[in-house]
Amino acid sequence: MLDHTGFVVIDLAKARRFYEAIAKPLGLATVDIGKDAFLLGRGPGQLPYLWIGILRPSYWVEGSRAGINQMHVAFVAASREAVDEFHRVALAAGGRDNGKPGPRKGERGYYGAFALDPDGNNIEACFRA
């Protein structure tokens, strides 16, 4: 359904470490697109992707800056074990726990975990049985 989305980060090196770590358990990869940004997705040229960078987008309204508006992104995981691994590597790569792996209320068969990236964005991995 999505083509792409993205957000601006404060420290690209910290963000890159975090997103490279969570990419593997989710079957994703980071793609280098220059010194100011990278992509997270299935691979080069594949949609959808997440743009992560330090450039100021042309569509930002006055007063916008990195980290001011927390974003939520949920990635599909292939299994509960992948969700567990996502959470483990996210914390090891500088993320902060925002919800340990486990079933979520209100969603039958839904298993998810949440981590805040270095800029406070809420990143989730979820498996739907």
N, C-alpha and C. Protein backbone atom coordinates (compact mmCIF):
# COMPACT_ATOMS: atom_id res chain seq x y z
N MET A 1 0.81 -1.18 0.00
CA MET A 1 0.00 0.00 0.00
C MET A 1 0.86 1.25 0.00
N LEU A 2 1.97 1.26 0.75
CA LEU A 2 2.86 2.42 0.77
C LEU A 2 3.89 2.36 -0.34
N ASP A 3 4.28 3.51 -0.85
CA ASP A 3 5.39 3.63 -1.78
C ASP A 3 6.66 3.90 -0.99
N HIS A 4 6.61 4.93 -0.15
CA HIS A 4 7.74 5.26 0.71
C HIS A 4 7.29 6.21 1.81
N THR A 5 8.10 6.30 2.82
CA THR A 5 7.92 7.29 3.87
C THR A 5 9.32 7.60 4.39
N GLY A 6 9.43 8.53 5.28
CA GLY A 6 10.75 8.86 5.77
C GLY A 6 10.70 9.87 6.89
N PHE A 7 11.84 10.03 7.50
CA PHE A 7 11.95 11.03 8.55
C PHE A 7 13.39 11.49 8.69
N VAL A 8 13.51 12.68 9.28
CA VAL A 8 14.80 13.31 9.50
C VAL A 8 15.30 12.92 10.89
N VAL A 9 16.59 12.63 10.98
CA VAL A 9 17.21 12.28 12.25
C VAL A 9 18.27 13.32 12.61
N ILE A 10 18.65 13.33 13.86
CA ILE A 10 19.65 14.28 14.34
C ILE A 10 21.06 13.78 14.06
N ASP A 11 21.32 12.51 14.34
CA ASP A 11 22.65 11.92 14.18
C ASP A 11 22.55 10.73 13.23
N LEU A 12 23.01 10.92 12.00
CA LEU A 12 22.87 9.89 10.97
C LEU A 12 23.64 8.62 11.32
N ALA A 13 24.80 8.74 11.92
CA ALA A 13 25.60 7.56 12.27
C ALA A 13 24.87 6.70 13.32
N LYS A 14 24.30 7.33 14.33
CA LYS A 14 23.53 6.59 15.35
C LYS A 14 22.32 5.92 14.72
N ALA A 15 21.61 6.65 13.87
CA ALA A 15 20.43 6.10 13.20
C ALA A 15 20.84 4.92 12.31
N ARG A 16 21.93 5.06 11.60
CA ARG A 16 22.38 3.99 10.70
C ARG A 16 22.69 2.72 11.49
N ARG A 17 23.38 2.83 12.61
CA ARG A 17 23.67 1.65 13.45
C ARG A 17 22.38 0.97 13.89
N PHE A 18 21.42 1.76 14.33
CA PHE A 18 20.14 1.22 14.80
C PHE A 18 19.40 0.51 13.67
N TYR A 19 19.25 1.16 12.53
CA TYR A 19 18.47 0.58 11.43
C TYR A 19 19.18 -0.57 10.73
N GLU A 20 20.49 -0.54 10.68
CA GLU A 20 21.22 -1.70 10.15
C GLU A 20 21.02 -2.91 11.06
N ALA A 21 20.99 -2.68 12.37
CA ALA A 21 20.79 -3.78 13.32
C ALA A 21 19.41 -4.40 13.18
N ILE A 22 18.36 -3.58 13.07
CA ILE A 22 17.01 -4.15 13.01
C ILE A 22 16.67 -4.69 11.62
N ALA A 23 17.42 -4.32 10.60
CA ALA A 23 17.12 -4.77 9.23
C ALA A 23 17.18 -6.29 9.10
N LYS A 24 18.22 -6.91 9.61
CA LYS A 24 18.43 -8.34 9.39
C LYS A 24 17.29 -9.21 9.90
N PRO A 25 16.85 -9.08 11.17
CA PRO A 25 15.76 -9.95 11.61
C PRO A 25 14.44 -9.72 10.87
N LEU A 26 14.31 -8.59 10.20
CA LEU A 26 13.09 -8.29 9.46
C LEU A 26 13.21 -8.62 7.98
N GLY A 27 14.35 -9.16 7.55
CA GLY A 27 14.55 -9.49 6.14
C GLY A 27 14.71 -8.26 5.27
N LEU A 28 15.23 -7.19 5.85
CA LEU A 28 15.43 -5.94 5.14
C LEU A 28 16.91 -5.61 5.04
N ALA A 29 17.21 -4.53 4.35
CA ALA A 29 18.60 -4.08 4.20
C ALA A 29 18.63 -2.56 4.16
N THR A 30 19.78 -1.99 4.48
CA THR A 30 19.96 -0.56 4.29
C THR A 30 20.66 -0.37 2.95
N VAL A 31 20.34 0.74 2.30
CA VAL A 31 20.90 1.06 0.99
C VAL A 31 21.50 2.45 1.08
N ASP A 32 22.77 2.57 0.77
CA ASP A 32 23.46 3.86 0.83
C ASP A 32 23.04 4.71 -0.36
N ILE A 33 22.62 5.96 -0.10
CA ILE A 33 22.25 6.86 -1.20
C ILE A 33 23.00 8.19 -1.10
N GLY A 34 24.07 8.21 -0.33
CA GLY A 34 24.86 9.43 -0.20
C GLY A 34 25.22 9.70 1.25
N LYS A 35 25.93 10.79 1.45
CA LYS A 35 26.44 11.09 2.79
C LYS A 35 25.37 11.63 3.74
N ASP A 36 24.21 12.04 3.22
CA ASP A 36 23.19 12.68 4.05
C ASP A 36 21.96 11.82 4.31
N ALA A 37 21.90 10.61 3.74
CA ALA A 37 20.70 9.78 3.91
C ALA A 37 20.99 8.34 3.48
N PHE A 38 20.09 7.44 3.92
CA PHE A 38 20.10 6.05 3.46
C PHE A 38 18.66 5.57 3.42
N LEU A 39 18.46 4.43 2.78
CA LEU A 39 17.13 3.84 2.68
C LEU A 39 17.10 2.54 3.45
N LEU A 40 15.94 2.20 3.97
CA LEU A 40 15.71 0.91 4.59
C LEU A 40 14.58 0.26 3.82
N GLY A 41 14.84 -0.94 3.30
CA GLY A 41 13.81 -1.63 2.52
C GLY A 41 14.26 -3.02 2.14
N ARG A 42 13.62 -3.56 1.13
CA ARG A 42 13.94 -4.92 0.68
C ARG A 42 15.24 -4.98 -0.11
N GLY A 43 15.65 -3.87 -0.68
CA GLY A 43 16.89 -3.83 -1.44
C GLY A 43 16.87 -2.66 -2.41
N PRO A 44 17.99 -2.45 -3.12
CA PRO A 44 18.08 -1.32 -4.04
C PRO A 44 16.96 -1.32 -5.08
N GLY A 45 16.31 -0.18 -5.20
CA GLY A 45 15.27 -0.01 -6.21
C GLY A 45 13.93 -0.66 -5.89
N GLN A 46 13.78 -1.25 -4.74
CA GLN A 46 12.53 -1.94 -4.40
C GLN A 46 11.65 -1.06 -3.50
N LEU A 47 10.36 -1.15 -3.76
CA LEU A 47 9.37 -0.42 -2.97
C LEU A 47 8.65 -1.40 -2.06
N PRO A 48 8.13 -0.95 -0.95
CA PRO A 48 8.28 0.38 -0.37
C PRO A 48 9.62 0.52 0.34
N TYR A 49 9.96 1.75 0.67
CA TYR A 49 11.19 2.00 1.44
C TYR A 49 10.96 3.11 2.44
N LEU A 50 11.86 3.15 3.41
CA LEU A 50 11.87 4.18 4.43
C LEU A 50 13.13 5.02 4.20
N TRP A 51 12.97 6.32 3.94
CA TRP A 51 14.10 7.25 3.78
C TRP A 51 14.46 7.78 5.15
N ILE A 52 15.75 7.75 5.48
CA ILE A 52 16.22 8.25 6.77
C ILE A 52 17.43 9.15 6.49
N GLY A 53 17.34 10.39 6.90
CA GLY A 53 18.44 11.29 6.58
C GLY A 53 18.49 12.52 7.48
N ILE A 54 19.44 13.39 7.15
CA ILE A 54 19.62 14.62 7.93
C ILE A 54 19.27 15.88 7.12
N LEU A 55 18.82 15.71 5.89
CA LEU A 55 18.45 16.85 5.05
C LEU A 55 17.10 17.41 5.47
N ARG A 56 16.92 18.71 5.33
CA ARG A 56 15.63 19.34 5.62
C ARG A 56 14.72 19.18 4.41
N PRO A 57 13.60 18.46 4.56
CA PRO A 57 12.69 18.27 3.43
C PRO A 57 12.05 19.57 2.98
N SER A 58 11.81 19.70 1.69
CA SER A 58 11.21 20.92 1.13
C SER A 58 9.78 21.12 1.62
N TYR A 59 9.10 20.05 2.02
CA TYR A 59 7.70 20.14 2.44
C TYR A 59 7.53 20.47 3.93
N TRP A 60 8.63 20.56 4.69
CA TRP A 60 8.51 20.90 6.12
C TRP A 60 7.95 22.30 6.29
N VAL A 61 7.08 22.44 7.27
CA VAL A 61 6.56 23.76 7.60
C VAL A 61 7.56 24.45 8.54
N GLU A 62 7.44 25.73 8.64
CA GLU A 62 8.32 26.52 9.51
C GLU A 62 8.28 25.98 10.94
N GLY A 63 9.43 25.85 11.56
CA GLY A 63 9.53 25.37 12.93
C GLY A 63 9.77 23.88 13.05
N SER A 64 9.69 23.15 11.96
CA SER A 64 9.94 21.70 12.01
C SER A 64 11.41 21.42 12.25
N ARG A 65 11.68 20.33 12.95
CA ARG A 65 13.05 19.89 13.16
C ARG A 65 13.03 18.41 13.51
N ALA A 66 14.16 17.76 13.38
CA ALA A 66 14.26 16.33 13.69
C ALA A 66 13.88 16.08 15.14
N GLY A 67 13.13 15.02 15.36
CA GLY A 67 12.77 14.62 16.70
C GLY A 67 11.60 15.36 17.32
N ILE A 68 11.03 16.35 16.63
CA ILE A 68 9.93 17.12 17.23
C ILE A 68 8.61 16.36 17.16
N ASN A 69 8.41 15.57 16.14
CA ASN A 69 7.17 14.80 15.98
C ASN A 69 7.52 13.33 15.95
N GLN A 70 7.16 12.62 17.01
CA GLN A 70 7.45 11.19 17.05
C GLN A 70 6.64 10.49 15.97
N MET A 71 7.29 9.56 15.29
CA MET A 71 6.66 8.78 14.24
C MET A 71 6.55 7.34 14.70
N HIS A 72 5.54 6.64 14.20
CA HIS A 72 5.41 5.20 14.46
C HIS A 72 5.49 4.47 13.13
N VAL A 73 6.37 3.48 13.06
CA VAL A 73 6.50 2.62 11.89
C VAL A 73 6.47 1.19 12.37
N ALA A 74 5.57 0.38 11.80
CA ALA A 74 5.49 -1.04 12.14
C ALA A 74 5.97 -1.87 10.95
N PHE A 75 6.95 -2.73 11.20
CA PHE A 75 7.47 -3.62 10.17
C PHE A 75 6.90 -5.01 10.36
N VAL A 76 6.62 -5.68 9.26
CA VAL A 76 6.15 -7.06 9.30
C VAL A 76 7.33 -7.96 9.61
N ALA A 77 7.15 -8.85 10.58
CA ALA A 77 8.17 -9.86 10.90
C ALA A 77 7.64 -11.22 10.46
N ALA A 78 8.55 -12.11 10.09
CA ALA A 78 8.17 -13.43 9.58
C ALA A 78 7.75 -14.40 10.68
N SER A 79 8.09 -14.10 11.92
CA SER A 79 7.80 -15.03 13.01
C SER A 79 7.91 -14.31 14.34
N ARG A 80 7.47 -14.98 15.40
CA ARG A 80 7.64 -14.44 16.74
C ARG A 80 9.12 -14.33 17.08
N GLU A 81 9.90 -15.30 16.62
CA GLU A 81 11.34 -15.28 16.88
C GLU A 81 12.00 -14.06 16.23
N ALA A 82 11.52 -13.68 15.05
CA ALA A 82 12.05 -12.48 14.38
C ALA A 82 11.70 -11.22 15.17
N VAL A 83 10.51 -11.18 15.77
CA VAL A 83 10.12 -10.05 16.62
C VAL A 83 11.04 -9.98 17.83
N ASP A 84 11.29 -11.15 18.45
CA ASP A 84 12.19 -11.19 19.61
C ASP A 84 13.59 -10.69 19.23
N GLU A 85 14.10 -11.14 18.08
CA GLU A 85 15.44 -10.75 17.63
C GLU A 85 15.48 -9.26 17.30
N PHE A 86 14.43 -8.75 16.66
CA PHE A 86 14.32 -7.32 16.39
C PHE A 86 14.50 -6.52 17.69
N HIS A 87 13.77 -6.90 18.71
CA HIS A 87 13.81 -6.16 19.97
C HIS A 87 15.20 -6.23 20.60
N ARG A 88 15.80 -7.41 20.58
CA ARG A 88 17.13 -7.60 21.16
C ARG A 88 18.15 -6.71 20.46
N VAL A 89 18.19 -6.78 19.13
CA VAL A 89 19.21 -6.00 18.39
C VAL A 89 18.91 -4.51 18.43
N ALA A 90 17.63 -4.14 18.49
CA ALA A 90 17.29 -2.72 18.57
C ALA A 90 17.86 -2.10 19.84
N LEU A 91 17.72 -2.80 20.96
CA LEU A 91 18.26 -2.28 22.22
C LEU A 91 19.78 -2.30 22.22
N ALA A 92 20.37 -3.32 21.64
CA ALA A 92 21.83 -3.41 21.57
C ALA A 92 22.43 -2.32 20.67
N ALA A 93 21.63 -1.83 19.72
CA ALA A 93 22.11 -0.82 18.77
C ALA A 93 21.76 0.60 19.19
N GLY A 94 21.40 0.80 20.45
CA GLY A 94 21.14 2.15 20.94
C GLY A 94 19.69 2.53 21.06
N GLY A 95 18.77 1.61 20.74
CA GLY A 95 17.35 1.89 20.92
C GLY A 95 16.95 1.74 22.38
N ARG A 96 15.78 2.25 22.71
CA ARG A 96 15.24 2.14 24.08
C ARG A 96 13.96 1.32 24.03
N ASP A 97 13.79 0.47 25.02
CA ASP A 97 12.60 -0.37 25.10
C ASP A 97 11.35 0.49 25.19
N ASN A 98 10.35 0.14 24.36
CA ASN A 98 9.06 0.82 24.44
C ASN A 98 7.92 -0.20 24.42
N GLY A 99 8.27 -1.45 24.72
CA GLY A 99 7.29 -2.53 24.76
C GLY A 99 7.94 -3.85 24.43
N LYS A 100 8.14 -4.67 25.42
CA LYS A 100 8.81 -5.95 25.23
C LYS A 100 8.01 -6.86 24.30
N PRO A 101 8.65 -7.83 23.65
CA PRO A 101 7.94 -8.75 22.77
C PRO A 101 6.83 -9.50 23.50
N GLY A 102 5.69 -9.63 22.85
CA GLY A 102 4.60 -10.38 23.42
C GLY A 102 3.30 -10.14 22.68
N PRO A 103 2.26 -10.90 23.08
CA PRO A 103 0.95 -10.69 22.48
C PRO A 103 0.41 -9.30 22.84
N ARG A 104 -0.37 -8.73 21.97
CA ARG A 104 -0.95 -7.41 22.22
C ARG A 104 -2.45 -7.54 22.39
N LYS A 105 -2.98 -6.85 23.38
CA LYS A 105 -4.41 -6.89 23.67
C LYS A 105 -5.21 -6.32 22.51
N GLY A 106 -6.37 -6.92 22.29
CA GLY A 106 -7.27 -6.41 21.26
C GLY A 106 -7.01 -6.95 19.87
N GLU A 107 -5.92 -7.62 19.67
CA GLU A 107 -5.58 -8.16 18.36
C GLU A 107 -5.28 -9.65 18.50
N ARG A 108 -6.18 -10.50 18.11
CA ARG A 108 -5.97 -11.94 18.21
C ARG A 108 -4.85 -12.39 17.28
N GLY A 109 -3.89 -13.13 17.83
CA GLY A 109 -2.78 -13.63 17.03
C GLY A 109 -1.71 -12.60 16.73
N TYR A 110 -1.79 -11.43 17.36
CA TYR A 110 -0.83 -10.35 17.10
C TYR A 110 0.28 -10.40 18.15
N TYR A 111 1.52 -10.44 17.69
CA TYR A 111 2.68 -10.51 18.56
C TYR A 111 3.62 -9.39 18.11
N GLY A 112 3.97 -8.50 19.02
CA GLY A 112 4.78 -7.36 18.61
C GLY A 112 5.76 -6.92 19.68
N ALA A 113 6.67 -6.05 19.27
CA ALA A 113 7.64 -5.43 20.17
C ALA A 113 7.90 -4.02 19.67
N PHE A 114 8.22 -3.14 20.62
CA PHE A 114 8.45 -1.73 20.30
C PHE A 114 9.81 -1.27 20.83
N ALA A 115 10.48 -0.45 20.04
CA ALA A 115 11.73 0.18 20.47
C ALA A 115 11.73 1.62 19.97
N LEU A 116 12.23 2.51 20.78
CA LEU A 116 12.42 3.89 20.34
C LEU A 116 13.79 3.99 19.70
N ASP A 117 13.84 4.56 18.50
CA ASP A 117 15.13 4.75 17.84
C ASP A 117 15.89 5.89 18.53
N PRO A 118 17.12 6.20 18.10
CA PRO A 118 17.89 7.25 18.79
C PRO A 118 17.22 8.62 18.83
N ASP A 119 16.24 8.87 17.93
CA ASP A 119 15.54 10.15 17.93
C ASP A 119 14.16 10.08 18.55
N GLY A 120 13.81 8.93 19.14
CA GLY A 120 12.52 8.80 19.82
C GLY A 120 11.38 8.33 18.96
N ASN A 121 11.64 7.94 17.71
CA ASN A 121 10.59 7.38 16.87
C ASN A 121 10.25 5.98 17.36
N ASN A 122 8.96 5.65 17.40
CA ASN A 122 8.50 4.36 17.89
C ASN A 122 8.53 3.35 16.74
N ILE A 123 9.45 2.42 16.81
CA ILE A 123 9.62 1.42 15.75
C ILE A 123 9.13 0.08 16.28
N GLU A 124 8.27 -0.57 15.51
CA GLU A 124 7.65 -1.82 15.92
C GLU A 124 7.96 -2.91 14.91
N ALA A 125 8.07 -4.13 15.41
CA ALA A 125 8.06 -5.33 14.57
C ALA A 125 6.87 -6.14 15.03
N CYS A 126 6.08 -6.67 14.08
CA CYS A 126 4.90 -7.43 14.46
C CYS A 126 4.73 -8.66 13.58
N PHE A 127 4.17 -9.68 14.20
CA PHE A 127 3.84 -10.93 13.53
C PHE A 127 2.37 -11.20 13.77
N ARG A 128 1.65 -11.51 12.71
CA ARG A 128 0.23 -11.84 12.82
C ARG A 128 0.05 -13.31 12.46
N ALA A 129 -0.37 -14.10 13.46
CA ALA A 129 -0.52 -15.55 13.24
C ALA A 129 -1.76 -15.80 12.38
